[in-house]
Amino acid sequence: MRTTTLGPAQRAAALTRMADKELDILVVGAGVVGAGTALDAATRGLSTGLVEARDWAAGTSSRSSKLIHGGLRYLEMLDFALVREALKERGLLLGRLAPHLVHPVPFLYPLQHKGWERLYAGSGVALYDAMSVSSGHGRGLPLHRHLTRKHALRVAPALRKDALVGALQYYDAGVDDARFVATLVRTAASYGAQVANQVRVTGFLREGERVVGARVHDGEAGGEYDIRAKQVVNATGVWTDDTQALIAERGQFHVRASKGIHLVVPKDRIHSTTGLILRTEKSVLFVIPWGRHWIVGTTDTDWSLDKAHPAASSADIDYLLDHVNSVLATPLTRDDVQGVYAGLRPLLAGESDATSKLSREHTVAHPVPGLVVVAGGKYTTYRVMAKDAVDEAVHGLDHRVAPCCTEEVPLAGAEGYQAEWNARARTAARTGVHVARIEHLLQRYGTLTREVLDLIADDPSLAAPLTGADDYLRAEVVYAAAYEGARHLDDVLARRTRISIETFDRGTRSAREAAELMAPVLGWDAHQIDKEVEYYEKRVEAERESQLQPDDLTADAARLGAPDIVPL
């Protein structure tokens, strides 16, 4: 089992090593694409560094719809190549690369018109399945099926009888997006990549017109470092234009931010054994199974305000509730909403109609020697984007480089996962941890569950659930700080766990206990514990206030009322 530890000592050592010796590749931005690029480069034998201004996946990659999918609706746009590519990646993730993190999810598509709609939609879903199987990686999911209205209502009793005349059911896959990225980073580090979060690029190093590295600021310990690299990859998503501006060069394309918000509601509010996909006047709406919850999303609106903390307005929430309630027998209300989160999609916006058509795809450019930019794309196809970015970067290296091999590289925790899953009852008996808890851990950490259980063996009090968040063990908080690079309370409650969106109090009841568990690992004193808790409570208060505002402008102003604990 290949793994590495990303604790405070490892972070400091990685930053020192990056500054000591020229790298082959320096990746800026640790969302899913940046983390994937670091893994791709490291597994080709390249000396690789990865820096992130905040936390792993702190931006778009922790605020998605939590789906690994082929993009069924892109078939309607006749974008067969994009769908085929995404379906192949879905199959790889389910079967080989991350079976512990990516799981099958059923979806029901209600039909509202007799005859033609079943034929039309059924043909599309049949093609979707056929493309999945033909990719060579699609046999891990059941094929679609046609349901009568009676059968559909048995599967999803929450639906209004007059909301459908029948239905189709098909499968895609779900993922905890932030956990996936953290695992990607650890996997890259296990293959030799030097990785450090809370490290912000403040400028690029130049020799003539060539970019030869980056100047960075350590947001934790302070201090500036020059990191030299033969090639720098800009994988900063919606911050692409801002990062490009640091070299004062006009980019070949621009990235436009599109806001998508999601609601999290308890499982018992929607009586269904399957997720739902509904048509709206603009796009589609998903109701996605998420543990003991449902995720309802998403919106798609332009956003030009604060990129670090996009805010969900009252209008956004009403939009989702109105649309999902149009098919539910028992409507959802504001009181049913446990959590709300907003994310920004990095859509390509070129200077001509031709490049604008790339908005749902990705592109790679080499705007100046030494700097590669990768942008756009879908979460599901991160590995392809990473491959393309490294392929472009190696053109600027002065030696032969092996081809991409990440199609054959399981993520940390994947190797031996099925055997560990089969032995879960035995593991429970040996450790004294209930089998339901073992299953929970295996689906979050895979075979790395052993490391979490070792913490419990050393300190049995860590086997208890965290106060106010019964789904998570105290050990998981310690593990996040000691092994997964969590530097602040927000990193744990919002990304290593999902307590911030899965509890009605948004994690405030868990905050102090979690901070006290992190303190010994990170060297916090009582003052820092108080500071972490205070910041987190202010964040929750600001988010709640923003969600009462009527529009984006007022929601943004309310959300900015809570400053970051590490000023950017």
Protein backbone atom coordinates (compact mmCIF):
# COMPACT_ATOMS: atom_id res chain seq x y z
CA MET A 1 0.00 0.00 0.00
CA ARG A 2 1.68 3.18 -1.22
CA THR A 3 1.00 6.20 0.96
CA THR A 4 2.59 9.24 2.52
CA THR A 5 1.82 11.56 5.42
CA LEU A 6 0.97 15.23 4.88
CA GLY A 7 1.40 16.66 8.35
CA PRO A 8 2.96 19.99 9.39
CA ALA A 9 6.54 18.67 9.27
CA GLN A 10 6.08 17.26 5.78
CA ARG A 11 4.62 20.53 4.53
CA ALA A 12 7.57 22.55 5.83
CA ALA A 13 10.05 20.07 4.36
CA ALA A 14 8.30 20.10 0.98
CA LEU A 15 8.42 23.89 0.79
CA THR A 16 12.13 23.89 1.63
CA ARG A 17 12.89 21.21 -0.98
CA MET A 18 10.97 23.08 -3.69
CA ALA A 19 13.02 26.20 -3.01
CA ASP A 20 16.36 24.34 -2.83
CA LYS A 21 16.50 22.70 -6.25
CA GLU A 22 15.04 23.43 -9.68
CA LEU A 23 11.99 21.31 -10.48
CA ASP A 24 10.95 19.88 -13.80
CA ILE A 25 7.31 20.90 -13.24
CA LEU A 26 5.72 23.32 -10.77
CA VAL A 27 1.92 23.13 -10.64
CA VAL A 28 0.01 26.14 -9.31
CA GLY A 29 -3.44 25.33 -7.91
CA ALA A 30 -4.55 22.16 -6.11
CA GLY A 31 -8.08 21.65 -7.33
CA VAL A 32 -8.81 18.39 -9.08
CA VAL A 33 -6.96 19.40 -12.26
CA GLY A 34 -3.87 20.72 -10.48
CA ALA A 35 -3.68 17.71 -8.17
CA GLY A 36 -4.18 15.40 -11.15
CA THR A 37 -1.44 17.23 -13.06
CA ALA A 38 0.99 16.79 -10.16
CA LEU A 39 0.22 13.07 -10.07
CA ASP A 40 0.63 12.75 -13.83
CA ALA A 41 4.00 14.52 -13.79
CA ALA A 42 5.32 12.62 -10.77
CA THR A 43 4.37 9.24 -12.23
CA ARG A 44 6.32 10.08 -15.40
CA GLY A 45 9.45 10.42 -13.27
CA LEU A 46 9.52 14.22 -13.31
CA SER A 47 10.56 16.22 -10.25
CA THR A 48 7.28 17.92 -9.37
CA GLY A 49 6.02 20.59 -7.01
CA LEU A 50 2.44 21.58 -6.19
CA VAL A 51 1.42 24.77 -4.37
CA GLU A 52 -2.05 25.89 -3.36
CA ALA A 53 -3.00 29.31 -1.98
CA ARG A 54 -5.61 27.92 0.41
CA ASP A 55 -6.57 24.29 1.07
CA TRP A 56 -6.74 21.35 -1.33
CA ALA A 57 -9.95 21.75 -3.36
CA ALA A 58 -10.91 24.93 -1.48
CA GLY A 59 -12.44 26.41 -4.63
CA THR A 60 -14.57 24.79 -7.31
CA SER A 61 -13.41 21.23 -6.64
CA SER A 62 -15.11 20.99 -3.24
CA ARG A 63 -18.38 22.60 -4.37
CA SER A 64 -19.50 20.51 -7.33
CA SER A 65 -22.59 18.34 -7.73
CA LYS A 66 -20.50 15.42 -6.35
CA LEU A 67 -21.04 13.43 -9.55
CA ILE A 68 -18.73 11.44 -11.78
CA HIS A 69 -20.79 11.29 -14.94
CA GLY A 70 -20.66 11.17 -18.70
CA GLY A 71 -22.88 14.19 -19.19
CA LEU A 72 -26.08 12.66 -20.48
CA ARG A 73 -27.44 16.07 -21.52
CA TYR A 74 -24.43 16.65 -23.81
CA LEU A 75 -25.75 13.88 -26.05
CA GLU A 76 -28.65 16.19 -26.86
CA MET A 77 -26.07 18.76 -27.94
CA LEU A 78 -24.49 16.05 -30.16
CA ASP A 79 -21.20 16.35 -28.26
CA PHE A 80 -20.46 12.66 -28.57
CA ALA A 81 -16.69 12.97 -28.11
CA LEU A 82 -17.06 14.70 -24.73
CA VAL A 83 -19.56 12.09 -23.51
CA ARG A 84 -17.44 9.17 -24.73
CA GLU A 85 -14.36 10.57 -23.00
CA ALA A 86 -16.21 11.18 -19.73
CA LEU A 87 -17.81 7.72 -19.74
CA LYS A 88 -14.41 6.09 -20.13
CA GLU A 89 -13.09 8.10 -17.17
CA ARG A 90 -16.16 7.21 -15.10
CA GLY A 91 -15.49 3.52 -15.75
CA LEU A 92 -11.81 3.81 -14.85
CA LEU A 93 -12.60 5.54 -11.57
CA LEU A 94 -15.28 3.04 -10.58
CA GLY A 95 -13.35 -0.05 -11.50
CA ARG A 96 -9.66 0.65 -11.08
CA LEU A 97 -8.52 4.07 -9.94
CA ALA A 98 -10.79 4.92 -7.00
CA PRO A 99 -13.43 2.26 -6.21
CA HIS A 100 -13.35 3.36 -2.55
CA LEU A 101 -14.29 6.94 -3.42
CA VAL A 102 -16.51 6.64 -6.51
CA HIS A 103 -19.78 4.72 -6.14
CA PRO A 104 -22.73 3.90 -8.44
CA VAL A 105 -25.79 6.17 -8.12
CA PRO A 106 -29.22 5.40 -9.68
CA PHE A 107 -31.25 8.22 -11.25
CA LEU A 108 -34.91 8.32 -12.23
CA TYR A 109 -35.98 10.50 -15.14
CA PRO A 110 -39.75 11.13 -14.97
CA LEU A 111 -41.51 11.17 -18.35
CA GLN A 112 -44.24 13.77 -18.73
CA HIS A 113 -45.49 12.99 -22.24
CA LYS A 114 -46.80 9.72 -23.60
CA GLY A 115 -45.28 8.05 -26.62
CA TRP A 116 -42.68 10.31 -28.19
CA GLU A 117 -40.82 11.26 -24.99
CA ARG A 118 -40.18 7.65 -23.98
CA LEU A 119 -38.83 6.94 -27.45
CA TYR A 120 -36.72 10.12 -27.54
CA ALA A 121 -35.31 9.95 -24.01
CA GLY A 122 -35.03 6.17 -24.09
CA SER A 123 -32.92 6.33 -27.25
CA GLY A 124 -30.60 8.83 -25.59
CA VAL A 125 -30.14 6.73 -22.44
CA ALA A 126 -29.64 3.57 -24.53
CA LEU A 127 -26.92 5.36 -26.51
CA TYR A 128 -25.38 6.53 -23.20
CA ASP A 129 -25.17 2.93 -21.97
CA ALA A 130 -23.88 1.68 -25.32
CA MET A 131 -21.10 4.29 -25.37
CA SER A 132 -20.17 3.36 -21.82
CA VAL A 133 -19.86 -0.33 -22.64
CA SER A 134 -18.01 0.34 -25.90
CA SER A 135 -15.41 2.38 -23.99
CA GLY A 136 -14.26 -0.89 -22.43
CA HIS A 137 -14.79 0.41 -18.90
CA GLY A 138 -18.56 0.49 -18.56
CA ARG A 139 -19.51 -2.93 -17.27
CA GLY A 140 -19.52 -1.92 -13.60
CA LEU A 141 -22.94 -0.24 -13.73
CA PRO A 142 -26.40 -1.72 -14.41
CA LEU A 143 -28.02 -0.84 -17.72
CA HIS A 144 -30.99 1.53 -17.89
CA ARG A 145 -34.57 0.30 -17.63
CA HIS A 146 -38.02 1.57 -18.59
CA LEU A 147 -40.61 1.93 -15.80
CA THR A 148 -44.36 2.36 -15.84
CA ARG A 149 -45.80 5.14 -13.71
CA LYS A 150 -46.90 2.61 -11.09
CA HIS A 151 -43.43 1.10 -10.91
CA ALA A 152 -41.75 4.52 -10.82
CA LEU A 153 -43.91 5.59 -7.88
CA ARG A 154 -42.88 2.45 -6.00
CA VAL A 155 -39.25 3.36 -6.58
CA ALA A 156 -39.79 7.05 -5.76
CA PRO A 157 -42.98 7.46 -3.68
CA ALA A 158 -42.10 11.13 -3.10
CA LEU A 159 -43.17 12.01 -6.64
CA ARG A 160 -46.59 13.50 -7.36
CA LYS A 161 -48.74 11.09 -9.36
CA ASP A 162 -49.53 13.78 -11.91
CA ALA A 163 -45.84 14.64 -12.36
CA LEU A 164 -45.11 11.68 -14.61
CA VAL A 165 -46.64 9.17 -17.00
CA GLY A 166 -43.72 6.77 -16.69
CA ALA A 167 -39.97 6.93 -16.14
CA LEU A 168 -36.51 5.82 -17.13
CA GLN A 169 -33.90 4.73 -14.63
CA TYR A 170 -30.18 4.81 -15.38
CA TYR A 171 -26.91 4.90 -13.45
CA ASP A 172 -24.06 7.34 -13.02
CA ALA A 173 -21.61 7.67 -10.12
CA GLY A 174 -21.12 9.87 -7.06
CA VAL A 175 -18.01 11.13 -5.25
CA ASP A 176 -17.02 13.26 -2.28
CA ASP A 177 -15.19 15.76 -4.47
CA ALA A 178 -12.99 17.36 -1.79
CA ARG A 179 -11.94 14.00 -0.34
CA PHE A 180 -11.09 12.80 -3.84
CA VAL A 181 -8.76 15.77 -4.38
CA ALA A 182 -7.06 15.30 -1.00
CA THR A 183 -6.46 11.68 -1.98
CA LEU A 184 -5.06 12.74 -5.36
CA VAL A 185 -2.60 15.04 -3.59
CA ARG A 186 -1.48 12.29 -1.21
CA THR A 187 -1.06 9.91 -4.13
CA ALA A 188 1.08 12.46 -5.99
CA ALA A 189 3.19 12.95 -2.86
CA SER A 190 3.65 9.18 -2.53
CA TYR A 191 5.23 9.20 -6.01
CA GLY A 192 7.65 11.96 -5.03
CA ALA A 193 5.77 15.22 -5.65
CA GLN A 194 6.52 18.00 -3.15
CA VAL A 195 3.19 19.50 -2.07
CA ALA A 196 2.28 22.46 0.14
CA ASN A 197 -1.00 24.24 0.79
CA GLN A 198 -1.46 27.77 2.18
CA VAL A 199 1.29 28.82 -0.24
CA ARG A 200 0.29 31.65 -2.57
CA VAL A 201 2.03 32.60 -5.80
CA THR A 202 2.78 36.33 -5.73
CA GLY A 203 4.67 36.53 -9.01
CA PHE A 204 6.47 34.57 -11.70
CA LEU A 205 10.25 34.41 -12.09
CA ARG A 206 11.41 35.48 -15.56
CA GLU A 207 14.56 35.24 -17.61
CA GLY A 208 13.83 37.37 -20.63
CA GLU A 209 10.44 36.31 -21.92
CA ARG A 210 10.72 32.86 -20.37
CA VAL A 211 8.98 31.90 -17.10
CA VAL A 212 11.46 29.97 -14.95
CA GLY A 213 9.51 29.55 -11.72
CA ALA A 214 7.38 31.37 -9.18
CA ARG A 215 7.77 33.52 -6.09
CA VAL A 216 5.50 32.28 -3.31
CA HIS A 217 4.39 33.44 0.11
CA ASP A 218 4.00 30.98 2.99
CA GLY A 219 0.66 31.87 4.53
CA GLU A 220 1.33 29.86 7.68
CA ALA A 221 4.87 30.65 8.79
CA GLY A 222 5.36 33.77 6.69
CA GLY A 223 8.34 34.29 4.42
CA GLU A 224 8.91 34.38 0.67
CA TYR A 225 10.42 31.61 -1.43
CA ASP A 226 11.61 31.45 -5.02
CA ILE A 227 10.73 28.11 -6.58
CA ARG A 228 12.52 27.53 -9.87
CA ALA A 229 11.08 25.13 -12.44
CA LYS A 230 11.69 24.27 -16.08
CA GLN A 231 7.95 24.44 -16.71
CA VAL A 232 5.13 25.99 -14.66
CA VAL A 233 1.54 24.78 -15.08
CA ASN A 234 -1.22 27.25 -14.22
CA ALA A 235 -4.19 25.14 -13.07
CA THR A 236 -6.03 27.78 -11.05
CA GLY A 237 -9.54 27.36 -12.48
CA VAL A 238 -11.65 30.49 -12.08
CA TRP A 239 -8.50 32.35 -11.00
CA THR A 240 -6.78 31.62 -14.33
CA ASP A 241 -7.06 35.19 -15.59
CA ASP A 242 -5.79 36.58 -12.26
CA THR A 243 -2.79 34.25 -12.32
CA GLN A 244 -2.08 35.12 -15.97
CA ALA A 245 -2.09 38.80 -15.03
CA LEU A 246 1.01 38.19 -12.86
CA ILE A 247 3.08 37.85 -16.05
CA ALA A 248 1.41 40.85 -17.70
CA GLU A 249 0.69 38.81 -20.80
CA ARG A 250 -2.60 38.69 -22.64
CA GLY A 251 -4.03 35.17 -22.52
CA GLN A 252 -5.19 33.20 -25.54
CA PHE A 253 -8.53 32.63 -23.85
CA HIS A 254 -10.43 33.87 -20.82
CA VAL A 255 -12.22 32.03 -18.06
CA ARG A 256 -15.70 33.10 -17.05
CA ALA A 257 -17.14 32.09 -13.68
CA SER A 258 -20.59 30.53 -13.58
CA LYS A 259 -22.18 30.05 -10.17
CA GLY A 260 -23.92 26.85 -9.20
CA ILE A 261 -25.60 26.39 -5.83
CA HIS A 262 -26.79 23.23 -4.08
CA LEU A 263 -29.10 22.51 -1.17
CA VAL A 264 -28.58 19.65 1.30
CA VAL A 265 -31.72 18.19 2.89
CA PRO A 266 -32.23 15.20 5.21
CA LYS A 267 -32.93 11.82 3.64
CA ASP A 268 -36.37 11.52 5.25
CA ARG A 269 -37.65 14.69 3.52
CA ILE A 270 -37.75 12.94 0.14
CA HIS A 271 -39.08 9.38 0.17
CA SER A 272 -37.18 7.69 -2.66
CA THR A 273 -34.76 4.83 -3.28
CA THR A 274 -33.22 6.60 -6.26
CA GLY A 275 -31.87 9.96 -7.28
CA LEU A 276 -33.86 12.14 -9.67
CA ILE A 277 -32.98 14.11 -12.79
CA LEU A 278 -35.50 16.73 -13.89
CA ARG A 279 -35.65 19.07 -16.84
CA THR A 280 -35.81 22.81 -16.22
CA GLU A 281 -36.33 25.64 -18.67
CA LYS A 282 -32.55 26.24 -18.67
CA SER A 283 -30.87 22.93 -17.99
CA VAL A 284 -31.39 19.96 -15.67
CA LEU A 285 -31.93 19.60 -11.94
CA PHE A 286 -30.48 16.72 -9.91
CA VAL A 287 -31.64 15.24 -6.62
CA ILE A 288 -28.59 13.21 -5.61
CA PRO A 289 -28.33 10.60 -2.82
CA TRP A 290 -25.68 11.70 -0.32
CA GLY A 291 -25.41 9.41 2.70
CA ARG A 292 -28.18 10.41 5.11
CA HIS A 293 -29.02 13.38 2.90
CA TRP A 294 -30.02 14.53 -0.56
CA ILE A 295 -28.20 17.15 -2.60
CA VAL A 296 -30.49 19.29 -4.77
CA GLY A 297 -28.84 21.29 -7.54
CA THR A 298 -27.86 23.19 -9.46
CA THR A 299 -28.13 26.72 -10.81
CA ASP A 300 -26.06 28.21 -13.64
CA THR A 301 -25.67 32.00 -13.47
CA ASP A 302 -22.88 34.44 -14.27
CA TRP A 303 -20.73 35.51 -11.32
CA SER A 304 -18.29 38.42 -11.34
CA LEU A 305 -17.96 39.07 -7.60
CA ASP A 306 -15.69 37.47 -4.94
CA LYS A 307 -14.23 34.21 -6.31
CA ALA A 308 -13.01 32.79 -3.02
CA HIS A 309 -16.41 32.76 -1.33
CA PRO A 310 -19.27 32.75 -3.87
CA ALA A 311 -22.53 33.39 -2.08
CA ALA A 312 -25.93 31.76 -2.49
CA SER A 313 -28.75 34.30 -2.42
CA SER A 314 -32.34 33.83 -1.34
CA ALA A 315 -33.35 33.91 -5.01
CA ASP A 316 -31.00 31.00 -5.76
CA ILE A 317 -32.50 28.91 -2.97
CA ASP A 318 -36.07 29.71 -4.05
CA TYR A 319 -35.23 28.72 -7.63
CA LEU A 320 -34.14 25.23 -6.57
CA LEU A 321 -37.01 24.73 -4.14
CA ASP A 322 -39.58 25.83 -6.70
CA HIS A 323 -38.28 23.45 -9.34
CA VAL A 324 -37.89 20.39 -7.15
CA ASN A 325 -41.28 21.02 -5.51
CA SER A 326 -42.94 20.94 -8.93
CA VAL A 327 -42.67 17.13 -8.83
CA LEU A 328 -42.80 16.36 -5.09
CA ALA A 329 -46.01 15.27 -3.34
CA THR A 330 -44.76 16.86 -0.10
CA PRO A 331 -42.97 20.11 -0.93
CA LEU A 332 -39.67 21.08 0.68
CA THR A 333 -39.51 24.30 2.70
CA ARG A 334 -36.66 26.50 3.87
CA ASP A 335 -36.83 24.71 7.22
CA ASP A 336 -35.88 21.44 5.51
CA VAL A 337 -32.60 22.84 4.21
CA GLN A 338 -29.68 21.70 6.35
CA GLY A 339 -26.88 23.05 4.22
CA VAL A 340 -26.25 25.31 1.25
CA TYR A 341 -23.08 25.61 -0.79
CA ALA A 342 -22.09 27.60 -3.84
CA GLY A 343 -19.33 26.92 -6.33
CA LEU A 344 -17.98 28.49 -9.51
CA ARG A 345 -17.53 26.64 -12.79
CA PRO A 346 -14.53 27.79 -14.86
CA LEU A 347 -16.04 28.13 -18.33
CA LEU A 348 -13.90 29.07 -21.30
CA ALA A 349 -14.86 32.37 -22.91
CA GLY A 350 -12.77 33.04 -26.00
CA GLU A 351 -12.44 36.16 -28.06
CA SER A 352 -14.42 34.65 -30.92
CA ASP A 353 -17.49 32.50 -31.35
CA ALA A 354 -15.30 29.52 -32.22
CA THR A 355 -13.44 29.53 -28.89
CA SER A 356 -16.59 30.24 -26.92
CA LYS A 357 -17.89 26.87 -28.04
CA LEU A 358 -15.19 25.30 -25.86
CA SER A 359 -16.95 26.41 -22.69
CA ARG A 360 -17.86 22.90 -21.49
CA GLU A 361 -14.62 21.36 -22.74
CA HIS A 362 -11.05 22.13 -21.79
CA THR A 363 -8.06 23.65 -23.48
CA VAL A 364 -4.33 23.84 -22.92
CA ALA A 365 -2.13 26.72 -24.05
CA HIS A 366 1.54 27.74 -23.86
CA PRO A 367 1.17 31.57 -23.81
CA VAL A 368 4.85 32.23 -23.07
CA PRO A 369 7.86 29.91 -22.90
CA GLY A 370 7.94 28.05 -19.61
CA LEU A 371 4.27 28.54 -18.73
CA VAL A 372 1.41 26.16 -19.58
CA VAL A 373 -2.21 27.06 -18.87
CA VAL A 374 -4.98 24.46 -18.54
CA ALA A 375 -8.59 25.53 -18.05
CA GLY A 376 -12.24 24.61 -18.56
CA GLY A 377 -13.39 21.00 -18.56
CA LYS A 378 -15.40 18.79 -16.23
CA TYR A 379 -14.49 17.23 -12.89
CA THR A 380 -14.94 13.76 -14.38
CA THR A 381 -12.30 14.32 -17.06
CA TYR A 382 -9.63 15.79 -14.76
CA ARG A 383 -7.18 12.98 -15.66
CA VAL A 384 -7.39 13.77 -19.38
CA MET A 385 -6.88 17.47 -18.66
CA ALA A 386 -3.86 16.65 -16.51
CA LYS A 387 -2.39 14.43 -19.23
CA ASP A 388 -2.83 17.15 -21.85
CA ALA A 389 -1.23 19.75 -19.58
CA VAL A 390 1.85 17.60 -18.89
CA ASP A 391 2.09 16.56 -22.55
CA GLU A 392 2.28 20.26 -23.41
CA ALA A 393 4.79 21.00 -20.64
CA VAL A 394 7.23 18.24 -21.64
CA HIS A 395 7.73 19.91 -25.02
CA GLY A 396 9.72 22.50 -23.10
CA LEU A 397 11.96 20.00 -21.31
CA ASP A 398 15.37 19.05 -22.64
CA HIS A 399 15.06 15.29 -22.17
CA ARG A 400 12.78 12.46 -23.16
CA VAL A 401 9.82 11.90 -20.85
CA ALA A 402 7.75 8.76 -20.43
CA PRO A 403 4.11 8.87 -21.62
CA CYS A 404 1.17 9.28 -19.25
CA CYS A 405 0.51 6.19 -17.12
CA THR A 406 -2.19 7.43 -14.70
CA GLU A 407 -4.75 5.18 -16.36
CA GLU A 408 -2.92 2.37 -14.53
CA VAL A 409 -2.20 4.14 -11.23
CA PRO A 410 -4.79 3.51 -8.46
CA LEU A 411 -5.23 6.34 -5.97
CA ALA A 412 -4.10 5.94 -2.37
CA GLY A 413 -6.44 3.54 -0.58
CA ALA A 414 -7.67 1.81 -3.74
CA GLU A 415 -5.27 -1.12 -3.94
CA GLY A 416 -6.76 -4.08 -2.08
CA TYR A 417 -9.97 -2.18 -1.32
CA GLN A 418 -12.35 -4.99 -2.30
CA ALA A 419 -10.51 -7.45 -0.05
CA GLU A 420 -10.68 -5.01 2.87
CA TRP A 421 -14.39 -4.46 2.20
CA ASN A 422 -15.01 -8.21 2.20
CA ALA A 423 -13.19 -8.49 5.53
CA ARG A 424 -15.01 -5.59 7.20
CA ALA A 425 -16.84 -7.77 9.76
CA ARG A 426 -13.55 -9.34 10.81
CA THR A 427 -11.96 -5.89 11.06
CA ALA A 428 -14.84 -4.72 13.26
CA ALA A 429 -14.44 -7.73 15.57
CA ARG A 430 -10.68 -7.22 15.83
CA THR A 431 -10.81 -3.47 16.53
CA GLY A 432 -14.01 -3.22 18.54
CA VAL A 433 -15.32 -0.58 16.12
CA HIS A 434 -18.87 -1.26 14.89
CA VAL A 435 -19.07 -2.70 11.39
CA ALA A 436 -21.18 0.27 10.22
CA ARG A 437 -18.32 2.57 11.25
CA ILE A 438 -15.81 0.37 9.43
CA GLU A 439 -17.93 0.60 6.27
CA HIS A 440 -18.06 4.38 6.65
CA LEU A 441 -14.27 4.55 6.98
CA LEU A 442 -13.62 2.19 4.06
CA GLN A 443 -15.79 4.30 1.75
CA ARG A 444 -13.82 7.40 2.71
CA TYR A 445 -10.27 6.11 3.09
CA GLY A 446 -10.20 2.69 1.44
CA THR A 447 -7.28 0.62 2.67
CA LEU A 448 -5.89 3.73 4.44
CA THR A 449 -8.61 2.97 7.01
CA ARG A 450 -5.87 1.04 8.81
CA GLU A 451 -4.13 4.32 9.60
CA VAL A 452 -7.30 5.74 11.15
CA LEU A 453 -7.79 2.56 13.19
CA ASP A 454 -4.16 2.78 14.39
CA LEU A 455 -4.97 6.19 15.87
CA ILE A 456 -7.90 4.63 17.71
CA ALA A 457 -5.73 1.76 18.97
CA ASP A 458 -3.32 4.34 20.45
CA ASP A 459 -6.15 6.45 21.93
CA PRO A 460 -9.49 4.62 22.31
CA SER A 461 -11.30 7.92 23.02
CA LEU A 462 -10.93 8.69 19.31
CA ALA A 463 -13.42 5.90 18.51
CA ALA A 464 -16.26 8.10 19.80
CA PRO A 465 -18.31 10.19 17.36
CA LEU A 466 -17.62 13.91 17.19
CA THR A 467 -20.06 16.00 19.22
CA GLY A 468 -22.87 17.27 17.01
CA ALA A 469 -21.80 15.14 14.02
CA ASP A 470 -22.50 11.51 14.77
CA ASP A 471 -21.50 10.32 11.28
CA TYR A 472 -17.82 11.14 11.91
CA LEU A 473 -15.37 9.76 14.46
CA ARG A 474 -13.06 11.93 16.54
CA ALA A 475 -10.17 10.02 14.95
CA GLU A 476 -11.05 11.44 11.55
CA VAL A 477 -10.38 14.98 12.77
CA VAL A 478 -6.94 14.02 14.09
CA TYR A 479 -6.22 12.10 10.90
CA ALA A 480 -7.14 15.10 8.73
CA ALA A 481 -4.55 17.28 10.48
CA ALA A 482 -1.83 14.65 10.87
CA TYR A 483 -2.08 12.85 7.52
CA GLU A 484 -4.14 14.89 5.03
CA GLY A 485 -2.72 18.40 5.23
CA ALA A 486 -5.61 20.11 7.05
CA ARG A 487 -4.26 23.35 8.50
CA HIS A 488 -7.38 25.00 9.88
CA LEU A 489 -10.71 24.12 11.44
CA ASP A 490 -12.54 25.12 8.28
CA ASP A 491 -10.47 22.59 6.29
CA VAL A 492 -11.80 19.77 8.47
CA LEU A 493 -15.44 20.80 8.90
CA ALA A 494 -15.98 21.90 5.28
CA ARG A 495 -13.74 19.57 3.24
CA ARG A 496 -12.12 16.60 5.07
CA THR A 497 -15.60 15.99 6.49
CA ARG A 498 -18.86 17.54 5.27
CA ILE A 499 -20.14 18.60 8.67
CA SER A 500 -20.57 22.21 7.52
CA ILE A 501 -23.36 21.19 5.10
CA GLU A 502 -24.71 18.05 6.78
CA THR A 503 -25.92 19.50 10.09
CA PHE A 504 -28.57 22.10 10.81
CA ASP A 505 -26.12 24.07 12.97
CA ARG A 506 -23.61 24.01 10.05
CA GLY A 507 -20.92 22.52 12.31
CA THR A 508 -20.88 25.10 15.08
CA ARG A 509 -21.64 22.47 17.77
CA SER A 510 -18.66 20.43 16.59
CA ALA A 511 -16.25 23.31 16.14
CA ARG A 512 -14.58 23.56 19.55
CA GLU A 513 -14.12 19.83 20.04
CA ALA A 514 -12.68 19.50 16.54
CA ALA A 515 -10.28 22.40 17.14
CA GLU A 516 -9.11 20.86 20.42
CA LEU A 517 -8.44 17.56 18.64
CA MET A 518 -6.40 19.33 15.94
CA ALA A 519 -4.43 21.46 18.41
CA PRO A 520 -1.76 18.92 19.52
CA VAL A 521 -1.02 17.98 15.89
CA LEU A 522 -0.70 21.56 14.66
CA GLY A 523 0.86 23.07 17.80
CA TRP A 524 -2.05 25.38 18.61
CA ASP A 525 -2.32 27.05 22.00
CA ALA A 526 -5.60 28.06 23.69
CA HIS A 527 -5.57 31.41 21.90
CA GLN A 528 -5.32 29.79 18.48
CA ILE A 529 -8.11 27.33 19.33
CA ASP A 530 -10.36 30.26 20.27
CA LYS A 531 -9.37 32.07 17.07
CA GLU A 532 -10.18 29.05 14.88
CA VAL A 533 -13.59 28.57 16.50
CA GLU A 534 -14.40 32.29 16.32
CA TYR A 535 -13.51 32.43 12.63
CA TYR A 536 -15.58 29.37 11.85
CA GLU A 537 -18.62 30.71 13.70
CA LYS A 538 -18.31 34.03 11.85
CA ARG A 539 -18.11 32.15 8.56
CA VAL A 540 -21.35 30.29 9.31
CA GLU A 541 -23.06 33.50 10.45
CA ALA A 542 -22.00 35.31 7.25
CA GLU A 543 -23.17 32.45 5.04
CA ARG A 544 -26.56 32.33 6.75
CA GLU A 545 -26.92 36.09 6.35
CA SER A 546 -25.96 35.94 2.66
CA GLN A 547 -28.65 33.31 2.05
CA LEU A 548 -31.31 35.75 3.22
CA GLN A 549 -30.30 38.43 0.72
CA PRO A 550 -32.37 39.00 -2.43
CA ASP A 551 -29.59 39.09 -5.04
CA ASP A 552 -25.94 38.35 -5.76
CA LEU A 553 -24.64 41.81 -4.88
CA THR A 554 -26.12 41.91 -1.38
CA ALA A 555 -25.36 38.21 -0.78
CA ASP A 556 -21.70 38.78 -1.70
CA ALA A 557 -21.45 41.76 0.63
CA ALA A 558 -22.90 39.73 3.51
CA ARG A 559 -20.57 36.77 2.92
CA LEU A 560 -17.51 39.02 2.88
CA GLY A 561 -18.39 40.01 6.44
CA ALA A 562 -16.35 37.01 7.63
CA PRO A 563 -12.60 37.40 6.91
CA ASP A 564 -10.32 34.45 6.19
CA ILE A 565 -8.27 33.22 9.11
CA VAL A 566 -5.28 33.32 6.77
CA PRO A 567 -5.62 36.64 4.89
CA LEU A 568 -5.11 36.27 1.15
